[in-house]
């Protein structure tokens, strides 16, 4: 039996954020949800579009964690940034900027 799953690409900003979470259980729960999305190959959980191709995945624990991501060709999830409710507006702006930069870089290739 062949197992398929979506690929994931993590930006340096996302890696820094997730690795900087002091609560290991929260980090595990966030990464487990991302893994579930990859395995199921569909968006599960509390998510919504926030504009310009960026989506927000919300977590109902801690300070209201958020993960910002984009999808490409329905098989690659790019984890752009993370934060919580208090940094939401800034994180959305940063995620949109990271996505624009990624698209511009890919267009140059």
PDB file of N, CA and C in Angstrom:
ATOM      1  N   UNK A   1       0.842  -1.177   0.000  1.00  0.00           N
ATOM      2  CA  UNK A   1       0.000   0.000   0.000  1.00  0.00           C
ATOM      3  C   UNK A   1       0.892   1.247   0.000  1.00  0.00           C
ATOM      4  N   UNK A   2       0.619   2.128  -0.920  1.00  0.00           N
ATOM      5  CA  UNK A   2       1.380   3.367  -1.024  1.00  0.00           C
ATOM      6  C   UNK A   2       0.682   4.458  -0.219  1.00  0.00           C
ATOM      7  N   UNK A   3       1.441   5.154   0.592  1.00  0.00           N
ATOM      8  CA  UNK A   3       0.898   6.221   1.424  1.00  0.00           C
ATOM      9  C   UNK A   3       1.276   7.559   0.802  1.00  0.00           C
ATOM     10  N   UNK A   4       0.292   8.411   0.637  1.00  0.00           N
ATOM     11  CA  UNK A   4       0.514   9.755   0.098  1.00  0.00           C
ATOM     12  C   UNK A   4       0.264  10.762   1.205  1.00  0.00           C
ATOM     13  N   UNK A   5       0.987  11.837   1.157  1.00  0.00           N
ATOM     14  CA  UNK A   5       0.713  12.945   2.065  1.00  0.00           C
ATOM     15  C   UNK A   5       1.245  14.225   1.439  1.00  0.00           C
ATOM     16  N   UNK A   6       0.636  15.330   1.846  1.00  0.00           N
ATOM     17  CA  UNK A   6       1.099  16.616   1.365  1.00  0.00           C
ATOM     18  C   UNK A   6       2.513  16.878   1.871  1.00  0.00           C
ATOM     19  N   UNK A   7       3.293  17.573   1.070  1.00  0.00           N
ATOM     20  CA  UNK A   7       4.607  18.035   1.504  1.00  0.00           C
ATOM     21  C   UNK A   7       4.422  19.294   2.351  1.00  0.00           C
ATOM     22  N   UNK A   8       5.401  19.583   3.175  1.00  0.00           N
ATOM     23  CA  UNK A   8       5.376  20.809   3.971  1.00  0.00           C
ATOM     24  C   UNK A   8       6.712  21.514   3.833  1.00  0.00           C
ATOM     25  N   UNK A   9       6.638  22.813   3.740  1.00  0.00           N
ATOM     26  CA  UNK A   9       7.836  23.656   3.683  1.00  0.00           C
ATOM     27  C   UNK A   9       7.714  24.663   4.818  1.00  0.00           C
ATOM     28  N   UNK A  10       8.730  24.776   5.614  1.00  0.00           N
ATOM     29  CA  UNK A  10       8.710  25.682   6.755  1.00  0.00           C
ATOM     30  C   UNK A  10       9.652  26.850   6.493  1.00  0.00           C
ATOM     31  N   UNK A  11       9.145  28.058   6.674  1.00  0.00           N
ATOM     32  CA  UNK A  11      10.003  29.227   6.529  1.00  0.00           C
ATOM     33  C   UNK A  11      10.873  29.360   7.781  1.00  0.00           C
ATOM     34  N   UNK A  12      11.998  30.051   7.671  1.00  0.00           N
ATOM     35  CA  UNK A  12      12.820  30.304   8.863  1.00  0.00           C
ATOM     36  C   UNK A  12      12.023  31.009   9.965  1.00  0.00           C
ATOM     37  N   UNK A  13      11.115  31.904   9.579  1.00  0.00           N
ATOM     38  CA  UNK A  13      10.298  32.600  10.586  1.00  0.00           C
ATOM     39  C   UNK A  13       9.425  31.616  11.348  1.00  0.00           C
ATOM     40  N   UNK A  14       8.792  30.673  10.632  1.00  0.00           N
ATOM     41  CA  UNK A  14       7.955  29.685  11.304  1.00  0.00           C
ATOM     42  C   UNK A  14       8.803  28.793  12.215  1.00  0.00           C
ATOM     43  N   UNK A  15       9.936  28.335  11.719  1.00  0.00           N
ATOM     44  CA  UNK A  15      10.810  27.468  12.530  1.00  0.00           C
ATOM     45  C   UNK A  15      11.225  28.168  13.823  1.00  0.00           C
ATOM     46  N   UNK A  16      11.602  29.435  13.706  1.00  0.00           N
ATOM     47  CA  UNK A  16      12.016  30.190  14.894  1.00  0.00           C
ATOM     48  C   UNK A  16      10.866  30.293  15.886  1.00  0.00           C
ATOM     49  N   UNK A  17       9.672  30.553  15.385  1.00  0.00           N
ATOM     50  CA  UNK A  17       8.514  30.687  16.263  1.00  0.00           C
ATOM     51  C   UNK A  17       8.189  29.365  16.949  1.00  0.00           C
ATOM     52  N   UNK A  18       8.049  28.283  16.176  1.00  0.00           N
ATOM     53  CA  UNK A  18       7.631  27.002  16.764  1.00  0.00           C
ATOM     54  C   UNK A  18       8.695  26.485  17.732  1.00  0.00           C
ATOM     55  N   UNK A  19       9.960  26.640  17.395  1.00  0.00           N
ATOM     56  CA  UNK A  19      11.030  26.182  18.288  1.00  0.00           C
ATOM     57  C   UNK A  19      11.159  27.051  19.527  1.00  0.00           C
ATOM     58  N   UNK A  20      10.649  28.276  19.455  1.00  0.00           N
ATOM     59  CA  UNK A  20      10.715  29.185  20.589  1.00  0.00           C
ATOM     60  C   UNK A  20       9.571  29.046  21.574  1.00  0.00           C
ATOM     61  N   UNK A  21       8.571  28.224  21.247  1.00  0.00           N
ATOM     62  CA  UNK A  21       7.460  28.041  22.185  1.00  0.00           C
ATOM     63  C   UNK A  21       7.973  27.353  23.443  1.00  0.00           C
ATOM     64  N   UNK A  22       7.722  27.965  24.577  1.00  0.00           N
ATOM     65  CA  UNK A  22       8.208  27.409  25.833  1.00  0.00           C
ATOM     66  C   UNK A  22       7.381  26.207  26.285  1.00  0.00           C
ATOM     67  N   UNK A  23       6.113  26.198  25.942  1.00  0.00           N
ATOM     68  CA  UNK A  23       5.237  25.094  26.336  1.00  0.00           C
ATOM     69  C   UNK A  23       5.376  23.961  25.322  1.00  0.00           C
ATOM     70  N   UNK A  24       6.053  22.912  25.729  1.00  0.00           N
ATOM     71  CA  UNK A  24       6.309  21.787  24.821  1.00  0.00           C
ATOM     72  C   UNK A  24       5.026  21.095  24.394  1.00  0.00           C
ATOM     73  N   UNK A  25       4.040  21.020  25.287  1.00  0.00           N
ATOM     74  CA  UNK A  25       2.774  20.380  24.929  1.00  0.00           C
ATOM     75  C   UNK A  25       2.071  21.173  23.826  1.00  0.00           C
ATOM     76  N   UNK A  26       2.091  22.484  23.914  1.00  0.00           N
ATOM     77  CA  UNK A  26       1.487  23.314  22.862  1.00  0.00           C
ATOM     78  C   UNK A  26       2.212  23.107  21.545  1.00  0.00           C
ATOM     79  N   UNK A  27       3.537  23.083  21.577  1.00  0.00           N
ATOM     80  CA  UNK A  27       4.321  22.845  20.359  1.00  0.00           C
ATOM     81  C   UNK A  27       3.937  21.504  19.739  1.00  0.00           C
ATOM     82  N   UNK A  28       3.851  20.478  20.570  1.00  0.00           N
ATOM     83  CA  UNK A  28       3.484  19.149  20.079  1.00  0.00           C
ATOM     84  C   UNK A  28       2.092  19.161  19.449  1.00  0.00           C
ATOM     85  N   UNK A  29       1.129  19.806  20.112  1.00  0.00           N
ATOM     86  CA  UNK A  29      -0.245  19.833  19.593  1.00  0.00           C
ATOM     87  C   UNK A  29      -0.327  20.566  18.260  1.00  0.00           C
ATOM     88  N   UNK A  30       0.405  21.654  18.116  1.00  0.00           N
ATOM     89  CA  UNK A  30       0.411  22.401  16.856  1.00  0.00           C
ATOM     90  C   UNK A  30       1.024  21.554  15.747  1.00  0.00           C
ATOM     91  N   UNK A  31       2.171  20.954  16.022  1.00  0.00           N
ATOM     92  CA  UNK A  31       2.825  20.121  15.009  1.00  0.00           C
ATOM     93  C   UNK A  31       1.995  18.885  14.674  1.00  0.00           C
ATOM     94  N   UNK A  32       1.290  18.331  15.663  1.00  0.00           N
ATOM     95  CA  UNK A  32       0.426  17.172  15.406  1.00  0.00           C
ATOM     96  C   UNK A  32      -0.724  17.548  14.479  1.00  0.00           C
ATOM     97  N   UNK A  33      -1.300  18.730  14.638  1.00  0.00           N
ATOM     98  CA  UNK A  33      -2.387  19.177  13.754  1.00  0.00           C
ATOM     99  C   UNK A  33      -1.863  19.376  12.333  1.00  0.00           C
ATOM    100  N   UNK A  34      -0.684  19.948  12.209  1.00  0.00           N
ATOM    101  CA  UNK A  34      -0.091  20.126  10.880  1.00  0.00           C
ATOM    102  C   UNK A  34       0.155  18.766  10.233  1.00  0.00           C
ATOM    103  N   UNK A  35       0.644  17.825  11.006  1.00  0.00           N
ATOM    104  CA  UNK A  35       0.869  16.479  10.478  1.00  0.00           C
ATOM    105  C   UNK A  35      -0.450  15.830  10.061  1.00  0.00           C
ATOM    106  N   UNK A  36      -1.502  16.036  10.847  1.00  0.00           N
ATOM    107  CA  UNK A  36      -2.823  15.493  10.494  1.00  0.00           C
ATOM    108  C   UNK A  36      -3.292  16.053   9.149  1.00  0.00           C
ATOM    109  N   UNK A  37      -3.116  17.347   8.938  1.00  0.00           N
ATOM    110  CA  UNK A  37      -3.496  17.970   7.667  1.00  0.00           C
ATOM    111  C   UNK A  37      -2.702  17.348   6.520  1.00  0.00           C
ATOM    112  N   UNK A  38      -1.424  17.156   6.738  1.00  0.00           N
ATOM    113  CA  UNK A  38      -0.587  16.560   5.688  1.00  0.00           C
ATOM    114  C   UNK A  38      -1.049  15.144   5.356  1.00  0.00           C
ATOM    115  N   UNK A  39      -1.340  14.351   6.374  1.00  0.00           N
ATOM    116  CA  UNK A  39      -1.737  12.953   6.159  1.00  0.00           C
ATOM    117  C   UNK A  39      -3.114  12.864   5.520  1.00  0.00           C
ATOM    118  N   UNK A  40      -4.057  13.646   6.029  1.00  0.00           N
ATOM    119  CA  UNK A  40      -5.431  13.615   5.512  1.00  0.00           C
ATOM    120  C   UNK A  40      -5.536  14.264   4.133  1.00  0.00           C
ATOM    121  N   UNK A  41      -4.548  15.079   3.789  1.00  0.00           N
ATOM    122  CA  UNK A  41      -4.538  15.824   2.527  1.00  0.00           C
ATOM    123  C   UNK A  41      -5.790  16.685   2.361  1.00  0.00           C
ATOM    124  N   UNK A  42      -6.189  17.272   3.459  1.00  0.00           N
ATOM    125  CA  UNK A  42      -7.305  18.214   3.468  1.00  0.00           C
ATOM    126  C   UNK A  42      -7.147  19.112   4.692  1.00  0.00           C
ATOM    127  N   UNK A  43      -7.725  20.278   4.632  1.00  0.00           N
ATOM    128  CA  UNK A  43      -7.638  21.195   5.760  1.00  0.00           C
ATOM    129  C   UNK A  43      -8.630  20.766   6.829  1.00  0.00           C
ATOM    130  N   UNK A  44      -8.125  20.455   7.999  1.00  0.00           N
ATOM    131  CA  UNK A  44      -8.954  20.074   9.137  1.00  0.00           C
ATOM    132  C   UNK A  44      -8.659  21.039  10.273  1.00  0.00           C
ATOM    133  N   UNK A  45      -9.634  21.225  11.125  1.00  0.00           N
ATOM    134  CA  UNK A  45      -9.463  22.133  12.245  1.00  0.00           C
ATOM    135  C   UNK A  45     -10.134  23.467  11.976  1.00  0.00           C
ATOM    136  N   UNK A  46      -9.808  24.432  12.799  1.00  0.00           N
ATOM    137  CA  UNK A  46     -10.399  25.768  12.748  1.00  0.00           C
ATOM    138  C   UNK A  46      -9.491  26.664  11.906  1.00  0.00           C
ATOM    139  N   UNK A  47      -9.839  26.827  10.646  1.00  0.00           N
ATOM    140  CA  UNK A  47      -9.023  27.622   9.735  1.00  0.00           C
ATOM    141  C   UNK A  47      -9.907  28.540   8.914  1.00  0.00           C
ATOM    142  N   UNK A  48      -9.294  29.600   8.390  1.00  0.00           N
ATOM    143  CA  UNK A  48     -10.029  30.518   7.515  1.00  0.00           C
ATOM    144  C   UNK A  48      -9.033  31.270   6.645  1.00  0.00           C
ATOM    145  N   UNK A  49      -9.477  31.712   5.472  1.00  0.00           N
ATOM    146  CA  UNK A  49      -8.608  32.557   4.647  1.00  0.00           C
ATOM    147  C   UNK A  49      -8.519  33.951   5.259  1.00  0.00           C
ATOM    148  N   UNK A  50      -7.329  34.545   5.195  1.00  0.00           N
ATOM    149  CA  UNK A  50      -7.148  35.909   5.697  1.00  0.00           C
ATOM    150  C   UNK A  50      -6.729  36.862   4.583  1.00  0.00           C
ATOM    151  N   UNK A  51      -6.728  36.363   3.336  1.00  0.00           N
ATOM    152  CA  UNK A  51      -6.465  37.216   2.185  1.00  0.00           C
ATOM    153  C   UNK A  51      -5.134  36.960   1.515  1.00  0.00           C
ATOM    154  N   UNK A  52      -5.093  37.278   0.228  1.00  0.00           N
ATOM    155  CA  UNK A  52      -3.872  37.187  -0.579  1.00  0.00           C
ATOM    156  C   UNK A  52      -3.267  35.788  -0.606  1.00  0.00           C
ATOM    157  N   UNK A  53      -4.111  34.754  -0.485  1.00  0.00           N
ATOM    158  CA  UNK A  53      -3.624  33.378  -0.545  1.00  0.00           C
ATOM    159  C   UNK A  53      -3.116  32.824   0.771  1.00  0.00           C
ATOM    160  N   UNK A  54      -3.252  33.593   1.843  1.00  0.00           N
ATOM    161  CA  UNK A  54      -2.793  33.165   3.167  1.00  0.00           C
ATOM    162  C   UNK A  54      -3.991  32.681   3.977  1.00  0.00           C
ATOM    163  N   UNK A  55      -3.774  31.610   4.718  1.00  0.00           N
ATOM    164  CA  UNK A  55      -4.797  31.034   5.589  1.00  0.00           C
ATOM    165  C   UNK A  55      -4.295  31.063   7.025  1.00  0.00           C
ATOM    166  N   UNK A  56      -5.262  31.109   7.950  1.00  0.00           N
ATOM    167  CA  UNK A  56      -4.954  31.117   9.373  1.00  0.00           C
ATOM    168  C   UNK A  56      -5.532  29.850   9.989  1.00  0.00           C
ATOM    169  N   UNK A  57      -4.702  29.105  10.691  1.00  0.00           N
ATOM    170  CA  UNK A  57      -5.128  27.929  11.438  1.00  0.00           C
ATOM    171  C   UNK A  57      -5.110  28.319  12.907  1.00  0.00           C
ATOM    172  N   UNK A  58      -6.288  28.242  13.548  1.00  0.00           N
ATOM    173  CA  UNK A  58      -6.417  28.710  14.929  1.00  0.00           C
ATOM    174  C   UNK A  58      -6.449  27.534  15.896  1.00  0.00           C
ATOM    175  N   UNK A  59      -5.840  27.747  17.055  1.00  0.00           N
ATOM    176  CA  UNK A  59      -5.770  26.719  18.085  1.00  0.00           C
ATOM    177  C   UNK A  59      -6.421  27.245  19.363  1.00  0.00           C
ATOM    178  N   UNK A  60      -7.351  26.466  19.949  1.00  0.00           N
ATOM    179  CA  UNK A  60      -8.111  26.936  21.115  1.00  0.00           C
ATOM    180  C   UNK A  60      -7.409  26.663  22.448  1.00  0.00           C
ATOM    181  N   UNK A  61      -6.110  26.839  22.499  1.00  0.00           N
ATOM    182  CA  UNK A  61      -5.396  26.640  23.759  1.00  0.00           C
ATOM    183  C   UNK A  61      -4.262  27.657  23.833  1.00  0.00           C
ATOM    184  N   UNK A  62      -3.686  27.758  25.015  1.00  0.00           N
ATOM    185  CA  UNK A  62      -2.639  28.764  25.218  1.00  0.00           C
ATOM    186  C   UNK A  62      -3.221  30.147  25.007  1.00  0.00           C
ATOM    187  N   UNK A  63      -2.425  31.059  24.488  1.00  0.00           N
ATOM    188  CA  UNK A  63      -2.904  32.424  24.261  1.00  0.00           C
ATOM    189  C   UNK A  63      -3.661  32.588  22.945  1.00  0.00           C
ATOM    190  N   UNK A  64      -4.151  31.478  22.384  1.00  0.00           N
ATOM    191  CA  UNK A  64      -4.850  31.545  21.095  1.00  0.00           C
ATOM    192  C   UNK A  64      -3.861  31.490  19.952  1.00  0.00           C
ATOM    193  N   UNK A  65      -3.082  30.419  19.918  1.00  0.00           N
ATOM    194  CA  UNK A  65      -2.054  30.275  18.882  1.00  0.00           C
ATOM    195  C   UNK A  65      -2.654  30.296  17.489  1.00  0.00           C
ATOM    196  N   UNK A  66      -1.871  30.823  16.541  1.00  0.00           N
ATOM    197  CA  UNK A  66      -2.236  30.863  15.131  1.00  0.00           C
ATOM    198  C   UNK A  66      -1.037  30.434  14.297  1.00  0.00           C
ATOM    199  N   UNK A  67      -1.327  29.723  13.208  1.00  0.00           N
ATOM    200  CA  UNK A  67      -0.308  29.363  12.230  1.00  0.00           C
ATOM    201  C   UNK A  67      -0.796  29.875  10.887  1.00  0.00           C
ATOM    202  N   UNK A  68       0.068  30.555  10.157  1.00  0.00           N
ATOM    203  CA  UNK A  68      -0.280  31.129   8.856  1.00  0.00           C
ATOM    204  C   UNK A  68       0.410  30.326   7.763  1.00  0.00           C
ATOM    205  N   UNK A  69      -0.376  29.953   6.751  1.00  0.00           N
ATOM    206  CA  UNK A  69       0.148  29.066   5.720  1.00  0.00           C
ATOM    207  C   UNK A  69      -0.460  29.382   4.370  1.00  0.00           C
ATOM    208  N   UNK A  70       0.125  28.802   3.341  1.00  0.00           N
ATOM    209  CA  UNK A  70      -0.385  28.904   1.972  1.00  0.00           C
ATOM    210  C   UNK A  70      -0.350  27.513   1.368  1.00  0.00           C
ATOM    211  N   UNK A  71      -1.170  27.315   0.347  1.00  0.00           N
ATOM    212  CA  UNK A  71      -1.229  26.031  -0.351  1.00  0.00           C
ATOM    213  C   UNK A  71      -0.782  26.234  -1.796  1.00  0.00           C
ATOM    214  N   UNK A  72      -0.085  25.244  -2.317  1.00  0.00           N
ATOM    215  CA  UNK A  72       0.340  25.256  -3.706  1.00  0.00           C
ATOM    216  C   UNK A  72      -0.030  23.931  -4.346  1.00  0.00           C
ATOM    217  N   UNK A  73      -0.739  24.010  -5.455  1.00  0.00           N
ATOM    218  CA  UNK A  73      -1.099  22.833  -6.242  1.00  0.00           C
ATOM    219  C   UNK A  73      -1.768  21.746  -5.407  1.00  0.00           C
ATOM    220  N   UNK A  74      -2.462  22.153  -4.354  1.00  0.00           N
ATOM    221  CA  UNK A  74      -3.164  21.218  -3.478  1.00  0.00           C
ATOM    222  C   UNK A  74      -2.300  20.068  -2.993  1.00  0.00           C
ATOM    223  N   UNK A  75      -0.995  20.314  -2.855  1.00  0.00           N
ATOM    224  CA  UNK A  75      -0.147  19.248  -2.336  1.00  0.00           C
ATOM    225  C   UNK A  75       1.021  19.748  -1.505  1.00  0.00           C
ATOM    226  N   UNK A  76       1.227  21.047  -1.474  1.00  0.00           N
ATOM    227  CA  UNK A  76       2.322  21.608  -0.692  1.00  0.00           C
ATOM    228  C   UNK A  76       1.762  22.659   0.246  1.00  0.00           C
ATOM    229  N   UNK A  77       2.010  22.470   1.510  1.00  0.00           N
ATOM    230  CA  UNK A  77       1.598  23.461   2.492  1.00  0.00           C
ATOM    231  C   UNK A  77       2.861  24.196   2.940  1.00  0.00           C
ATOM    232  N   UNK A  78       2.838  25.501   2.815  1.00  0.00           N
ATOM    233  CA  UNK A  78       3.984  26.319   3.198  1.00  0.00           C
ATOM    234  C   UNK A  78       3.627  27.026   4.499  1.00  0.00           C
ATOM    235  N   UNK A  79       4.336  26.672   5.553  1.00  0.00           N
ATOM    236  CA  UNK A  79       4.093  27.267   6.858  1.00  0.00           C
ATOM    237  C   UNK A  79       4.895  28.559   6.931  1.00  0.00           C
ATOM    238  N   UNK A  80       4.183  29.673   6.911  1.00  0.00           N
ATOM    239  CA  UNK A  80       4.809  30.980   6.775  1.00  0.00           C
ATOM    240  C   UNK A  80       5.215  31.587   8.107  1.00  0.00           C
ATOM    241  N   UNK A  81       4.302  31.579   9.074  1.00  0.00           N
ATOM    242  CA  UNK A  81       4.548  32.272  10.332  1.00  0.00           C
ATOM    243  C   UNK A  81       3.626  31.718  11.403  1.00  0.00           C
ATOM    244  N   UNK A  82       3.916  32.057  12.633  1.00  0.00           N
ATOM    245  CA  UNK A  82       3.068  31.667  13.750  1.00  0.00           C
ATOM    246  C   UNK A  82       3.002  32.803  14.743  1.00  0.00           C
ATOM    247  N   UNK A  83       2.030  32.714  15.617  1.00  0.00           N
ATOM    248  CA  UNK A  83       1.871  33.739  16.633  1.00  0.00           C
ATOM    249  C   UNK A  83       0.690  33.412  17.511  1.00  0.00           C
ATOM    250  N   UNK A  84       0.123  34.433  18.118  1.00  0.00           N
ATOM    251  CA  UNK A  84      -1.075  34.239  18.926  1.00  0.00           C
ATOM    252  C   UNK A  84      -2.007  35.425  18.703  1.00  0.00           C
ATOM    253  N   UNK A  85      -3.095  35.431  19.430  1.00  0.00           N
ATOM    254  CA  UNK A  85      -4.120  36.454  19.225  1.00  0.00           C
ATOM    255  C   UNK A  85      -3.545  37.867  19.381  1.00  0.00           C
ATOM    256  N   UNK A  86      -2.590  38.030  20.293  1.00  0.00           N
ATOM    257  CA  UNK A  86      -2.060  39.374  20.549  1.00  0.00           C
ATOM    258  C   UNK A  86      -1.195  39.903  19.407  1.00  0.00           C
ATOM    259  N   UNK A  87      -0.640  39.015  18.587  1.00  0.00           N
ATOM    260  CA  UNK A  87       0.234  39.438  17.486  1.00  0.00           C
ATOM    261  C   UNK A  87      -0.401  39.176  16.123  1.00  0.00           C
ATOM    262  N   UNK A  88      -1.693  38.903  16.116  1.00  0.00           N
ATOM    263  CA  UNK A  88      -2.392  38.450  14.913  1.00  0.00           C
ATOM    264  C   UNK A  88      -2.222  39.389  13.717  1.00  0.00           C
ATOM    265  N   UNK A  89      -2.502  40.662  13.877  1.00  0.00           N
ATOM    266  CA  UNK A  89      -2.440  41.592  12.738  1.00  0.00           C
ATOM    267  C   UNK A  89      -1.022  41.660  12.170  1.00  0.00           C
ATOM    268  N   UNK A  90      -0.039  41.759  13.029  1.00  0.00           N
ATOM    269  CA  UNK A  90       1.362  41.814  12.588  1.00  0.00           C
ATOM    270  C   UNK A  90       1.762  40.510  11.894  1.00  0.00           C
ATOM    271  N   UNK A  91       1.326  39.371  12.445  1.00  0.00           N
ATOM    272  CA  UNK A  91       1.674  38.069  11.866  1.00  0.00           C
ATOM    273  C   UNK A  91       1.043  37.875  10.493  1.00  0.00           C
ATOM    274  N   UNK A  92      -0.184  38.341  10.324  1.00  0.00           N
ATOM    275  CA  UNK A  92      -0.849  38.228   9.017  1.00  0.00           C
ATOM    276  C   UNK A  92      -0.096  39.058   7.981  1.00  0.00           C
ATOM    277  N   UNK A  93       0.278  40.285   8.340  1.00  0.00           N
ATOM    278  CA  UNK A  93       1.050  41.123   7.412  1.00  0.00           C
ATOM    279  C   UNK A  93       2.370  40.444   7.039  1.00  0.00           C
ATOM    280  N   UNK A  94       3.043  39.887   8.027  1.00  0.00           N
ATOM    281  CA  UNK A  94       4.327  39.219   7.768  1.00  0.00           C
ATOM    282  C   UNK A  94       4.133  37.998   6.878  1.00  0.00           C
ATOM    283  N   UNK A  95       3.081  37.217   7.129  1.00  0.00           N
ATOM    284  CA  UNK A  95       2.820  36.018   6.322  1.00  0.00           C
ATOM    285  C   UNK A  95       2.541  36.398   4.874  1.00  0.00           C
ATOM    286  N   UNK A  96       1.766  37.443   4.667  1.00  0.00           N
ATOM    287  CA  UNK A  96       1.467  37.892   3.301  1.00  0.00           C
ATOM    288  C   UNK A  96       2.739  38.349   2.595  1.00  0.00           C
ATOM    289  N   UNK A  97       3.598  39.063   3.314  1.00  0.00           N
ATOM    290  CA  UNK A  97       4.861  39.520   2.733  1.00  0.00           C
ATOM    291  C   UNK A  97       5.755  38.331   2.386  1.00  0.00           C
ATOM    292  N   UNK A  98       5.843  37.349   3.273  1.00  0.00           N
ATOM    293  CA  UNK A  98       6.652  36.157   3.002  1.00  0.00           C
ATOM    294  C   UNK A  98       6.135  35.406   1.782  1.00  0.00           C
ATOM    295  N   UNK A  99       4.817  35.326   1.649  1.00  0.00           N
ATOM    296  CA  UNK A  99       4.240  34.632   0.497  1.00  0.00           C
ATOM    297  C   UNK A  99       4.547  35.391  -0.796  1.00  0.00           C
ATOM    298  N   UNK A 100       4.415  36.729  -0.769  1.00  0.00           N
ATOM    299  CA  UNK A 100       4.756  37.532  -1.956  1.00  0.00           C
ATOM    300  C   UNK A 100       6.218  37.310  -2.354  1.00  0.00           C
ATOM    301  N   UNK A 101       7.107  37.337  -1.372  1.00  0.00           N
ATOM    302  CA  UNK A 101       8.529  37.125  -1.655  1.00  0.00           C
ATOM    303  C   UNK A 101       8.766  35.740  -2.239  1.00  0.00           C
ATOM    304  N   UNK A 102       8.098  34.741  -1.702  1.00  0.00           N
ATOM    305  CA  UNK A 102       8.270  33.379  -2.209  1.00  0.00           C
ATOM    306  C   UNK A 102       7.803  33.283  -3.657  1.00  0.00           C
ATOM    307  N   UNK A 103       6.652  33.886  -3.949  1.00  0.00           N
ATOM    308  CA  UNK A 103       6.126  33.852  -5.321  1.00  0.00           C
ATOM    309  C   UNK A 103       7.054  34.592  -6.279  1.00  0.00           C
ATOM    310  N   UNK A 104       7.569  35.750  -5.868  1.00  0.00           N
ATOM    311  CA  UNK A 104       8.492  36.510  -6.714  1.00  0.00           C
ATOM    312  C   UNK A 104       9.757  35.706  -6.983  1.00  0.00           C
ATOM    313  N   UNK A 105      10.259  35.051  -5.963  1.00  0.00           N
ATOM    314  CA  UNK A 105      11.470  34.242  -6.119  1.00  0.00           C
ATOM    315  C   UNK A 105      11.230  33.077  -7.072  1.00  0.00           C
ATOM    316  N   UNK A 106      10.073  32.439  -6.970  1.00  0.00           N
ATOM    317  CA  UNK A 106       9.758  31.307  -7.848  1.00  0.00           C
ATOM    318  C   UNK A 106       9.560  31.781  -9.283  1.00  0.00           C
ATOM    319  N   UNK A 107       9.017  32.984  -9.457  1.00  0.00           N
ATOM    320  CA  UNK A 107       8.822  33.531 -10.806  1.00  0.00           C
ATOM    321  C   UNK A 107      10.159  33.813 -11.489  1.00  0.00           C
ATOM    322  N   UNK A 108      11.186  34.108 -10.700  1.00  0.00           N
ATOM    323  CA  UNK A 108      12.513  34.388 -11.252  1.00  0.00           C
ATOM    324  C   UNK A 108      13.207  33.117 -11.726  1.00  0.00           C
ATOM    325  N   UNK A 109      12.841  31.973 -11.162  1.00  0.00           N
ATOM    326  CA  UNK A 109      13.482  30.691 -11.524  1.00  0.00           C
ATOM    327  C   UNK A 109      13.102  30.215 -12.896  1.00  0.00           C
TER     328      UNK A 109
END
